[in-house]
Amino acid sequence: MKSNDIQSVPADENFISADELLKRLPISRGTLHNYIKAGKIPHVKLNHRLLFFWPNVRDSLLRQQREVTA
């Protein structure tokens, strides 16, 4: 598979929009933007749209929480 061959990437319901992510997390849109800029929330950009793979977002936030409390 070529890295730029988007058609060969399977669709997955775990990819969510920013709006869906904001429904799952108790943060504002501004905070989401700040977290993205700081690299705290993994994302992909596709056709000027941000998408988030929910398992990666969850794992990243949990890892950061453990680092702060350790």
N, C-alpha and C. Protein backbone atom coordinates (compact mmCIF):
# COMPACT_ATOMS: atom_id res chain seq x y z
N MET A 1 0.85 -1.18 0.00
CA MET A 1 0.00 0.00 0.00
C MET A 1 0.89 1.24 0.00
N LYS A 2 0.63 2.18 -0.86
CA LYS A 2 1.35 3.43 -0.89
C LYS A 2 0.85 4.30 0.26
N SER A 3 1.75 5.10 0.82
CA SER A 3 1.37 5.93 1.96
C SER A 3 0.33 6.99 1.59
N ASN A 4 0.27 7.38 0.33
CA ASN A 4 -0.71 8.39 -0.07
C ASN A 4 -1.95 7.79 -0.72
N ASP A 5 -2.11 6.51 -0.68
CA ASP A 5 -3.26 5.85 -1.29
C ASP A 5 -4.39 5.76 -0.27
N ILE A 6 -5.13 6.84 -0.11
CA ILE A 6 -6.18 6.94 0.90
C ILE A 6 -7.32 5.96 0.63
N GLN A 7 -7.53 5.56 -0.63
CA GLN A 7 -8.62 4.66 -0.95
C GLN A 7 -8.43 3.27 -0.34
N SER A 8 -7.17 2.90 -0.05
CA SER A 8 -6.92 1.57 0.49
C SER A 8 -6.99 1.53 2.01
N VAL A 9 -7.26 2.69 2.63
CA VAL A 9 -7.40 2.74 4.09
C VAL A 9 -8.84 2.38 4.44
N PRO A 10 -9.03 1.36 5.27
CA PRO A 10 -10.40 0.97 5.61
C PRO A 10 -11.10 2.01 6.47
N ALA A 11 -12.38 2.19 6.24
CA ALA A 11 -13.16 3.10 7.08
C ALA A 11 -13.30 2.48 8.46
N ASP A 12 -13.32 3.33 9.48
CA ASP A 12 -13.40 2.84 10.84
C ASP A 12 -14.25 3.80 11.65
N GLU A 13 -15.20 3.29 12.37
CA GLU A 13 -16.07 4.14 13.16
C GLU A 13 -15.34 4.77 14.34
N ASN A 14 -14.12 4.34 14.61
CA ASN A 14 -13.35 4.94 15.69
C ASN A 14 -12.73 6.27 15.29
N PHE A 15 -12.74 6.63 14.00
CA PHE A 15 -12.32 7.96 13.58
C PHE A 15 -13.49 8.89 13.80
N ILE A 16 -13.25 9.95 14.54
CA ILE A 16 -14.34 10.87 14.87
C ILE A 16 -13.95 12.30 14.53
N SER A 17 -14.96 13.13 14.39
CA SER A 17 -14.75 14.55 14.09
C SER A 17 -14.44 15.30 15.38
N ALA A 18 -14.06 16.57 15.23
CA ALA A 18 -13.82 17.41 16.40
C ALA A 18 -15.10 17.58 17.21
N ASP A 19 -16.23 17.72 16.54
CA ASP A 19 -17.50 17.86 17.26
C ASP A 19 -17.79 16.62 18.11
N GLU A 20 -17.56 15.44 17.56
CA GLU A 20 -17.79 14.20 18.31
C GLU A 20 -16.80 14.10 19.47
N LEU A 21 -15.56 14.50 19.24
CA LEU A 21 -14.56 14.45 20.31
C LEU A 21 -14.96 15.37 21.45
N LEU A 22 -15.47 16.55 21.11
CA LEU A 22 -15.91 17.48 22.15
C LEU A 22 -17.10 16.95 22.95
N LYS A 23 -17.89 16.09 22.36
CA LYS A 23 -18.99 15.45 23.10
C LYS A 23 -18.45 14.44 24.12
N ARG A 24 -17.28 13.85 23.81
CA ARG A 24 -16.70 12.82 24.68
C ARG A 24 -15.78 13.37 25.75
N LEU A 25 -15.26 14.58 25.53
CA LEU A 25 -14.32 15.17 26.48
C LEU A 25 -14.91 16.44 27.09
N PRO A 26 -14.69 16.66 28.38
CA PRO A 26 -15.23 17.86 29.03
C PRO A 26 -14.32 19.07 28.83
N ILE A 27 -14.08 19.45 27.57
CA ILE A 27 -13.23 20.59 27.26
C ILE A 27 -13.91 21.47 26.22
N SER A 28 -13.46 22.72 26.15
CA SER A 28 -14.01 23.65 25.17
C SER A 28 -13.30 23.47 23.83
N ARG A 29 -13.85 24.08 22.80
CA ARG A 29 -13.24 24.03 21.47
C ARG A 29 -11.87 24.72 21.51
N GLY A 30 -11.76 25.80 22.27
CA GLY A 30 -10.48 26.49 22.40
C GLY A 30 -9.42 25.62 23.06
N THR A 31 -9.81 24.90 24.10
CA THR A 31 -8.89 23.99 24.77
C THR A 31 -8.47 22.87 23.82
N LEU A 32 -9.41 22.35 23.05
CA LEU A 32 -9.07 21.32 22.06
C LEU A 32 -8.02 21.86 21.09
N HIS A 33 -8.22 23.06 20.61
CA HIS A 33 -7.26 23.67 19.68
C HIS A 33 -5.88 23.79 20.35
N ASN A 34 -5.85 24.22 21.60
CA ASN A 34 -4.58 24.35 22.32
C ASN A 34 -3.90 22.99 22.50
N TYR A 35 -4.68 21.97 22.83
CA TYR A 35 -4.13 20.62 23.01
C TYR A 35 -3.55 20.09 21.69
N ILE A 36 -4.23 20.37 20.59
CA ILE A 36 -3.75 19.93 19.27
C ILE A 36 -2.42 20.62 18.97
N LYS A 37 -2.36 21.94 19.17
CA LYS A 37 -1.14 22.69 18.90
C LYS A 37 0.02 22.22 19.77
N ALA A 38 -0.28 21.81 21.01
CA ALA A 38 0.75 21.36 21.94
C ALA A 38 1.13 19.90 21.72
N GLY A 39 0.42 19.22 20.82
CA GLY A 39 0.73 17.82 20.54
C GLY A 39 0.17 16.85 21.57
N LYS A 40 -0.78 17.30 22.36
CA LYS A 40 -1.35 16.45 23.41
C LYS A 40 -2.43 15.51 22.87
N ILE A 41 -3.03 15.85 21.75
CA ILE A 41 -4.09 15.03 21.17
C ILE A 41 -3.69 14.66 19.75
N PRO A 42 -3.48 13.36 19.48
CA PRO A 42 -3.12 12.94 18.12
C PRO A 42 -4.30 13.11 17.16
N HIS A 43 -3.97 13.49 15.94
CA HIS A 43 -5.02 13.73 14.94
C HIS A 43 -4.43 13.57 13.55
N VAL A 44 -5.32 13.51 12.59
CA VAL A 44 -4.94 13.53 11.18
C VAL A 44 -5.77 14.61 10.50
N LYS A 45 -5.20 15.18 9.47
CA LYS A 45 -5.91 16.19 8.69
C LYS A 45 -6.21 15.60 7.32
N LEU A 46 -7.46 15.61 6.93
CA LEU A 46 -7.88 15.05 5.67
C LEU A 46 -8.84 16.03 4.99
N ASN A 47 -8.42 16.55 3.86
CA ASN A 47 -9.25 17.53 3.13
C ASN A 47 -9.68 18.70 4.02
N HIS A 48 -8.73 19.28 4.72
CA HIS A 48 -8.95 20.43 5.60
C HIS A 48 -9.86 20.09 6.78
N ARG A 49 -9.95 18.85 7.11
CA ARG A 49 -10.81 18.41 8.22
C ARG A 49 -9.96 17.62 9.20
N LEU A 50 -10.10 17.93 10.49
CA LEU A 50 -9.39 17.19 11.52
C LEU A 50 -10.18 15.95 11.90
N LEU A 51 -9.50 14.82 11.95
CA LEU A 51 -10.11 13.58 12.40
C LEU A 51 -9.26 13.02 13.53
N PHE A 52 -9.92 12.33 14.43
CA PHE A 52 -9.26 11.78 15.61
C PHE A 52 -9.58 10.30 15.71
N PHE A 53 -8.56 9.50 15.97
CA PHE A 53 -8.76 8.07 16.18
C PHE A 53 -8.96 7.90 17.68
N TRP A 54 -10.19 7.66 18.09
CA TRP A 54 -10.56 7.70 19.50
C TRP A 54 -9.66 6.85 20.40
N PRO A 55 -9.33 5.61 20.07
CA PRO A 55 -8.45 4.84 20.95
C PRO A 55 -7.09 5.52 21.19
N ASN A 56 -6.53 6.16 20.17
CA ASN A 56 -5.25 6.85 20.34
C ASN A 56 -5.40 8.09 21.20
N VAL A 57 -6.48 8.83 21.03
CA VAL A 57 -6.72 10.02 21.84
C VAL A 57 -6.86 9.62 23.30
N ARG A 58 -7.68 8.61 23.55
CA ARG A 58 -7.90 8.14 24.93
C ARG A 58 -6.58 7.69 25.56
N ASP A 59 -5.81 6.88 24.84
CA ASP A 59 -4.54 6.38 25.37
C ASP A 59 -3.56 7.52 25.63
N SER A 60 -3.51 8.48 24.74
CA SER A 60 -2.61 9.61 24.90
C SER A 60 -2.96 10.43 26.14
N LEU A 61 -4.24 10.71 26.33
CA LEU A 61 -4.66 11.49 27.49
C LEU A 61 -4.42 10.72 28.79
N LEU A 62 -4.68 9.42 28.79
CA LEU A 62 -4.42 8.61 29.98
C LEU A 62 -2.93 8.56 30.31
N ARG A 63 -2.10 8.44 29.29
CA ARG A 63 -0.64 8.42 29.49
C ARG A 63 -0.18 9.75 30.10
N GLN A 64 -0.69 10.86 29.59
CA GLN A 64 -0.34 12.16 30.12
C GLN A 64 -0.78 12.32 31.57
N GLN A 65 -1.95 11.78 31.88
CA GLN A 65 -2.47 11.86 33.25
C GLN A 65 -1.56 11.06 34.18
N ARG A 66 -1.12 9.89 33.75
CA ARG A 66 -0.22 9.08 34.58
C ARG A 66 1.11 9.78 34.80
N GLU A 67 1.62 10.45 33.77
CA GLU A 67 2.90 11.16 33.89
C GLU A 67 2.80 12.30 34.90
N VAL A 68 1.66 12.97 34.94
CA VAL A 68 1.47 14.09 35.86
C VAL A 68 1.37 13.58 37.30
N THR A 69 0.69 12.46 37.49
CA THR A 69 0.48 11.94 38.84
C THR A 69 1.63 11.10 39.35
N ALA A 70 2.57 10.74 38.47
CA ALA A 70 3.70 9.89 38.89
C ALA A 70 4.76 10.69 39.61
